[in-house]
């Protein structure tokens, strides 16, 4: 497998599967292998389970290309984690999953209506700590209880975003909405890991994957029943996503190189995405005017995180962003 180092313009070879089938790449060391994750034990599958996230003290990436630093750290994590669980064992866990993925694609594409993917993340390199003192299940219930969230995005990257893989199971135990795993996926192992952890869909970032790898990852994920939200930030990335077979394409207004936001980016790039492909606007969405502008520009869904998580009343903020003024309906 390969992934694209967007900063240095190099194709970096990931570890090959050895004779033992151990191309093992758990996402992070927090769990020391999925078999030791308490969220996979029966006691934490109940809706009352509400584990507290780790302290959200995100590392600040050095000045320069933030995405490069995150991917570099991720690659090191993967190497350290490969001995935790061989791929053959992870695939066995995938076979043991008792319920198939929830319908993420259908949830975010509703004819004539803008859908909202509400995000749960503890911190970020740009904002530092965002959430403290709240459990994953609490936040998920607040989103679903508002009536305006159609899916949930769970950021599982630990070092820079304060997340963990086990958050997916906690969220799914609390709500019926489909859950997107949002992380920096650079190895096919992470796709199987996502499925075993209960993800209903995964995020793939076009900036760090070449076309062949992106196509392969989409095929693996869809073979497991998980659609892929392919995140892009410029025209070549959109073209790469389309040629790789992406059915859901996100346009991230945030540049992951320096974390700056261009609110006009979606409107300028969305016309490149043909009808029939779901368009998702990401980042910098704070008001009803933002959502209306994105809907006019062709968005089928918006992904919103920080503005919701910082709100004192999540339901009221979701109502505002959805453009609800007392009538049932939205932008």
Protein backbone atom coordinates (compact mmCIF):
# COMPACT_ATOMS: atom_id res chain seq x y z
CA UNK A 1 0.00 0.00 0.00
CA UNK A 2 1.02 3.58 -0.56
CA UNK A 3 -0.09 6.94 0.62
CA UNK A 4 0.70 10.35 -0.73
CA UNK A 5 2.80 12.70 1.30
CA UNK A 6 1.22 15.92 0.07
CA UNK A 7 4.01 18.05 1.48
CA UNK A 8 7.05 16.37 0.05
CA UNK A 9 5.42 14.91 -3.05
CA UNK A 10 6.58 11.39 -2.34
CA UNK A 11 4.85 8.04 -2.57
CA UNK A 12 5.67 6.38 0.72
CA UNK A 13 5.46 2.59 0.86
CA UNK A 14 3.55 1.16 3.79
CA UNK A 15 4.64 -2.11 5.35
CA UNK A 16 3.91 -5.16 3.23
CA UNK A 17 1.99 -8.12 4.56
CA UNK A 18 4.49 -10.63 5.89
CA UNK A 19 4.26 -14.37 5.68
CA UNK A 20 2.31 -14.44 8.92
CA UNK A 21 -0.31 -12.09 7.48
CA UNK A 22 0.63 -9.43 10.01
CA UNK A 23 0.08 -6.19 8.19
CA UNK A 24 -1.34 -5.06 11.50
CA UNK A 25 -2.02 -1.37 11.80
CA UNK A 26 -4.23 -0.48 14.77
CA UNK A 27 -5.07 3.20 14.72
CA UNK A 28 -3.59 4.08 18.04
CA UNK A 29 -1.89 2.64 21.07
CA UNK A 30 -4.64 3.65 23.45
CA UNK A 31 -6.41 0.33 23.13
CA UNK A 32 -3.34 -1.91 22.90
CA UNK A 33 -5.32 -4.01 20.46
CA UNK A 34 -9.05 -4.15 20.02
CA UNK A 35 -9.28 -7.29 22.15
CA UNK A 36 -8.38 -5.21 25.23
CA UNK A 37 -10.80 -2.41 24.46
CA UNK A 38 -13.40 -2.37 27.26
CA UNK A 39 -15.90 -0.93 24.80
CA UNK A 40 -15.97 -4.29 23.04
CA UNK A 41 -17.11 -6.00 26.24
CA UNK A 42 -20.79 -6.57 26.80
CA UNK A 43 -21.06 -4.29 29.78
CA UNK A 44 -20.32 -1.19 27.74
CA UNK A 45 -22.76 -1.91 24.95
CA UNK A 46 -25.71 -0.66 26.95
CA UNK A 47 -27.04 2.80 26.22
CA UNK A 48 -26.20 3.81 29.77
CA UNK A 49 -22.50 3.35 29.10
CA UNK A 50 -20.93 6.78 28.89
CA UNK A 51 -17.14 6.51 29.18
CA UNK A 52 -15.32 9.78 29.59
CA UNK A 53 -12.96 10.78 26.79
CA UNK A 54 -9.26 11.16 27.57
CA UNK A 55 -8.08 14.59 28.64
CA UNK A 56 -8.31 16.72 25.51
CA UNK A 57 -4.89 18.30 25.51
CA UNK A 58 -4.15 18.21 21.81
CA UNK A 59 -0.56 18.51 20.70
CA UNK A 60 0.12 21.61 18.68
CA UNK A 61 1.74 20.64 15.41
CA UNK A 62 4.89 22.61 14.61
CA UNK A 63 4.45 25.60 12.36
CA UNK A 64 4.53 24.61 8.73
CA UNK A 65 2.43 21.88 7.19
CA UNK A 66 0.14 20.56 9.94
CA UNK A 67 -1.16 17.70 7.80
CA UNK A 68 2.38 16.52 7.15
CA UNK A 69 3.12 16.44 10.86
CA UNK A 70 -0.08 14.54 11.68
CA UNK A 71 0.53 11.94 8.97
CA UNK A 72 4.16 11.58 10.02
CA UNK A 73 3.08 10.90 13.59
CA UNK A 74 0.34 8.55 12.39
CA UNK A 75 2.83 6.52 10.40
CA UNK A 76 5.01 6.16 13.48
CA UNK A 77 2.00 5.08 15.54
CA UNK A 78 1.12 2.46 12.97
CA UNK A 79 4.59 0.99 13.04
CA UNK A 80 4.53 0.79 16.84
CA UNK A 81 1.07 -0.75 16.83
CA UNK A 82 1.49 -3.49 14.25
CA UNK A 83 2.44 -6.11 16.77
CA UNK A 84 -0.73 -5.54 18.82
CA UNK A 85 -3.12 -7.48 16.60
CA UNK A 86 -2.37 -9.35 13.38
CA UNK A 87 -4.60 -8.62 10.41
CA UNK A 88 -5.97 -12.17 10.47
CA UNK A 89 -7.28 -11.62 14.02
CA UNK A 90 -8.79 -8.30 13.09
CA UNK A 91 -10.58 -9.86 10.15
CA UNK A 92 -11.95 -12.46 12.55
CA UNK A 93 -13.35 -9.61 14.66
CA UNK A 94 -14.95 -8.20 11.53
CA UNK A 95 -16.67 -11.51 10.94
CA UNK A 96 -17.91 -11.43 14.52
CA UNK A 97 -19.68 -8.09 14.04
CA UNK A 98 -23.32 -8.95 14.66
CA UNK A 99 -24.97 -5.92 13.01
CA UNK A 100 -24.20 -4.46 9.63
CA UNK A 101 -23.47 -0.77 9.12
CA UNK A 102 -26.27 1.75 9.48
CA UNK A 103 -27.27 3.65 6.33
CA UNK A 104 -24.90 6.62 6.33
CA UNK A 105 -25.35 7.36 2.61
CA UNK A 106 -29.13 7.52 2.89
CA UNK A 107 -28.99 9.62 6.04
CA UNK A 108 -26.97 12.40 4.46
CA UNK A 109 -28.69 12.61 1.08
CA UNK A 110 -32.35 13.54 1.42
CA UNK A 111 -34.13 14.92 -1.60
CA UNK A 112 -34.60 18.67 -1.29
CA UNK A 113 -33.21 18.94 2.23
CA UNK A 114 -29.83 19.74 3.70
CA UNK A 115 -28.52 17.06 6.05
CA UNK A 116 -26.26 17.69 9.04
CA UNK A 117 -23.37 15.49 10.12
CA UNK A 118 -22.70 16.56 13.72
CA UNK A 119 -19.15 16.00 14.84
CA UNK A 120 -17.71 14.90 18.17
CA UNK A 121 -14.09 15.86 18.76
CA UNK A 122 -12.32 16.75 21.97
CA UNK A 123 -9.70 19.13 20.59
CA UNK A 124 -7.96 20.25 17.43
CA UNK A 125 -4.61 21.79 16.44
CA UNK A 126 -6.35 25.05 15.54
CA UNK A 127 -8.67 25.37 18.56
CA UNK A 128 -6.88 23.44 21.30
CA UNK A 129 -9.21 21.96 23.88
CA UNK A 130 -12.84 22.14 22.74
CA UNK A 131 -14.70 19.81 25.10
CA UNK A 132 -14.11 18.79 28.69
CA UNK A 133 -16.26 17.03 31.26
CA UNK A 134 -18.66 15.48 28.72
CA UNK A 135 -18.89 11.84 27.71
CA UNK A 136 -19.27 10.64 24.15
CA UNK A 137 -22.73 9.22 24.82
CA UNK A 138 -23.92 12.49 26.35
CA UNK A 139 -22.85 14.47 23.31
CA UNK A 140 -24.35 11.92 20.92
CA UNK A 141 -27.68 11.98 22.77
CA UNK A 142 -27.71 15.76 22.64
CA UNK A 143 -27.24 15.64 18.87
CA UNK A 144 -29.90 13.02 18.24
CA UNK A 145 -32.27 14.51 20.80
CA UNK A 146 -32.22 17.84 18.96
CA UNK A 147 -33.92 16.22 15.98
CA UNK A 148 -31.65 18.04 13.53
CA UNK A 149 -28.59 15.76 13.27
CA UNK A 150 -28.76 13.09 10.56
CA UNK A 151 -25.43 11.39 11.27
CA UNK A 152 -22.51 11.71 13.68
CA UNK A 153 -18.82 12.09 12.88
CA UNK A 154 -16.48 10.67 15.53
CA UNK A 155 -12.91 11.99 15.35
CA UNK A 156 -10.74 9.15 16.65
CA UNK A 157 -7.25 10.62 16.15
CA UNK A 158 -5.72 10.88 19.63
CA UNK A 159 -2.53 12.92 19.59
CA UNK A 160 -3.82 16.06 17.88
CA UNK A 161 -7.59 15.74 18.34
CA UNK A 162 -7.92 13.98 21.69
CA UNK A 163 -10.04 11.16 20.27
CA UNK A 164 -10.06 7.38 20.62
CA UNK A 165 -11.34 4.45 18.64
CA UNK A 166 -13.59 3.29 21.46
CA UNK A 167 -15.72 6.42 21.09
CA UNK A 168 -17.52 4.80 18.15
CA UNK A 169 -18.93 2.00 20.27
CA UNK A 170 -19.92 4.42 23.04
CA UNK A 171 -21.76 6.65 20.56
CA UNK A 172 -23.53 3.77 18.82
CA UNK A 173 -24.64 2.37 22.15
CA UNK A 174 -26.36 5.66 22.92
CA UNK A 175 -28.04 6.64 19.63
CA UNK A 176 -29.46 5.17 16.44
CA UNK A 177 -27.76 7.61 14.03
CA UNK A 178 -25.07 6.28 11.67
CA UNK A 179 -21.48 7.05 12.73
CA UNK A 180 -18.64 8.17 10.47
CA UNK A 181 -15.13 7.39 11.66
CA UNK A 182 -12.99 10.45 10.97
CA UNK A 183 -9.25 9.91 11.16
CA UNK A 184 -6.12 9.92 9.02
CA UNK A 185 -6.42 6.57 7.27
CA UNK A 186 -3.22 5.60 5.46
CA UNK A 187 -3.32 1.82 5.66
CA UNK A 188 -5.97 -0.74 4.73
CA UNK A 189 -5.70 -2.22 8.22
CA UNK A 190 -7.46 0.86 9.55
CA UNK A 191 -10.46 0.10 7.36
CA UNK A 192 -10.92 -3.33 8.91
CA UNK A 193 -10.27 -1.76 12.31
CA UNK A 194 -13.04 0.77 11.65
CA UNK A 195 -15.50 -1.97 10.76
CA UNK A 196 -14.61 -4.05 13.82
CA UNK A 197 -15.04 -0.95 15.99
CA UNK A 198 -18.59 -0.47 14.69
CA UNK A 199 -18.12 2.37 12.20
CA UNK A 200 -20.84 2.80 9.60
CA UNK A 201 -18.70 4.87 7.22
CA UNK A 202 -15.15 6.17 7.06
CA UNK A 203 -13.38 9.36 6.01
CA UNK A 204 -10.62 9.16 3.41
CA UNK A 205 -8.46 12.24 2.79
CA UNK A 206 -7.52 12.68 -0.86
CA UNK A 207 -4.53 14.85 0.05
CA UNK A 208 -2.71 11.90 1.59
CA UNK A 209 -3.76 9.10 -0.78
CA UNK A 210 -2.80 8.56 -4.39
CA UNK A 211 -5.46 7.47 -6.86
CA UNK A 212 -4.67 3.75 -6.83
CA UNK A 213 -4.65 3.58 -3.05
CA UNK A 214 -7.80 5.69 -2.76
CA UNK A 215 -9.58 3.40 -5.21
CA UNK A 216 -8.42 0.32 -3.33
CA UNK A 217 -9.51 1.71 0.01
CA UNK A 218 -12.96 2.60 -1.32
CA UNK A 219 -13.38 -0.91 -2.69
CA UNK A 220 -12.37 -2.53 0.60
CA UNK A 221 -14.66 -0.31 2.65
CA UNK A 222 -17.64 -0.68 0.33
CA UNK A 223 -17.06 -4.44 0.32
CA UNK A 224 -17.62 -4.29 4.08
CA UNK A 225 -20.73 -2.19 3.62
CA UNK A 226 -19.13 1.09 4.72
CA UNK A 227 -19.42 4.07 2.35
CA UNK A 228 -16.51 6.49 2.16
CA UNK A 229 -16.65 10.24 2.54
CA UNK A 230 -13.67 11.34 0.45
CA UNK A 231 -12.43 14.71 1.66
CA UNK A 232 -10.92 17.15 -0.83
CA UNK A 233 -9.61 20.69 -0.81
CA UNK A 234 -8.82 21.52 -4.44
CA UNK A 235 -9.76 20.64 -8.01
CA UNK A 236 -7.08 17.95 -8.60
CA UNK A 237 -8.19 16.17 -5.42
CA UNK A 238 -11.81 16.20 -6.57
CA UNK A 239 -10.79 14.79 -9.94
CA UNK A 240 -8.75 12.10 -8.16
CA UNK A 241 -11.67 11.21 -5.91
CA UNK A 242 -14.05 10.93 -8.87
CA UNK A 243 -11.65 8.79 -10.90
CA UNK A 244 -11.23 6.53 -7.86
CA UNK A 245 -14.98 5.94 -7.73
CA UNK A 246 -16.00 8.16 -4.82
CA UNK A 247 -19.75 8.39 -4.30
CA UNK A 248 -19.59 10.93 -1.46
CA UNK A 249 -17.18 13.84 -1.79
CA UNK A 250 -16.49 16.40 0.89
CA UNK A 251 -15.00 19.81 0.22
CA UNK A 252 -13.13 20.96 3.30
CA UNK A 253 -12.93 24.73 3.50
CA UNK A 254 -10.09 24.28 5.98
CA UNK A 255 -6.62 23.88 4.52
CA UNK A 256 -5.09 21.02 6.48
CA UNK A 257 -1.65 22.39 5.69
CA UNK A 258 -2.03 25.54 7.78
CA UNK A 259 -5.63 25.16 9.11
CA UNK A 260 -6.81 28.40 7.50
CA UNK A 261 -10.42 28.57 6.25
CA UNK A 262 -11.73 29.79 2.90
CA UNK A 263 -15.52 30.04 3.14
CA UNK A 264 -15.83 30.58 -0.61
CA UNK A 265 -14.06 27.33 -1.48
CA UNK A 266 -17.12 25.07 -1.59
CA UNK A 267 -18.96 27.35 -4.00
CA UNK A 268 -16.01 27.48 -6.36
CA UNK A 269 -15.34 23.72 -6.39
CA UNK A 270 -18.78 22.12 -6.04
CA UNK A 271 -19.64 22.45 -9.77
CA UNK A 272 -16.84 19.94 -10.51
CA UNK A 273 -18.82 17.25 -8.69
CA UNK A 274 -21.49 15.72 -10.96
CA UNK A 275 -25.11 15.10 -10.06
CA UNK A 276 -25.51 11.73 -8.40
CA UNK A 277 -22.43 12.17 -6.22
CA UNK A 278 -23.27 13.38 -2.73
CA UNK A 279 -21.64 16.75 -1.91
CA UNK A 280 -20.64 17.50 1.67
CA UNK A 281 -19.42 20.91 2.85
CA UNK A 282 -16.97 20.79 5.73
CA UNK A 283 -15.52 23.31 8.22
CA UNK A 284 -16.20 26.94 9.07
CA UNK A 285 -19.97 26.47 9.39
CA UNK A 286 -21.35 28.57 12.23
CA UNK A 287 -24.64 30.19 11.24
CA UNK A 288 -27.86 29.68 9.32
CA UNK A 289 -26.51 31.99 6.63
CA UNK A 290 -23.51 29.65 6.23
CA UNK A 291 -25.79 26.66 5.73
CA UNK A 292 -28.09 28.54 3.33
CA UNK A 293 -25.11 29.70 1.28
CA UNK A 294 -23.76 26.16 1.06
CA UNK A 295 -27.15 24.74 0.17
CA UNK A 296 -27.49 27.27 -2.66
CA UNK A 297 -24.04 26.22 -3.84
CA UNK A 298 -25.17 22.61 -4.12
CA UNK A 299 -24.39 20.96 -0.77
CA UNK A 300 -26.41 17.87 0.10
CA UNK A 301 -24.98 17.83 3.62
CA UNK A 302 -22.79 19.86 5.93
CA UNK A 303 -20.34 18.58 8.53
CA UNK A 304 -20.33 20.77 11.64
CA UNK A 305 -18.25 20.33 14.77
CA UNK A 306 -16.59 23.14 16.69
CA UNK A 307 -19.47 25.61 16.61
CA UNK A 308 -21.81 22.95 18.02
CA UNK A 309 -19.43 21.69 20.67
CA UNK A 310 -18.72 25.19 21.96
CA UNK A 311 -22.42 26.11 22.15
CA UNK A 312 -24.07 26.29 25.57
CA UNK A 313 -27.25 24.81 24.03
CA UNK A 314 -26.46 22.24 21.35
CA UNK A 315 -30.06 21.78 20.25
CA UNK A 316 -30.55 25.52 19.82
CA UNK A 317 -27.32 25.81 17.83
CA UNK A 318 -28.31 22.91 15.58
CA UNK A 319 -31.70 24.53 15.05
CA UNK A 320 -29.99 27.79 14.12
CA UNK A 321 -27.58 26.16 11.67
CA UNK A 322 -30.37 24.09 10.15
CA UNK A 323 -32.24 27.32 9.47
CA UNK A 324 -35.27 26.33 11.52
CA UNK A 325 -37.51 29.20 12.60
CA UNK A 326 -40.39 27.31 14.13
CA UNK A 327 -41.38 25.37 10.99
CA UNK A 328 -40.38 21.76 10.54
CA UNK A 329 -37.97 21.70 7.68
CA UNK A 330 -34.63 23.18 6.83
CA UNK A 331 -32.50 24.88 4.25
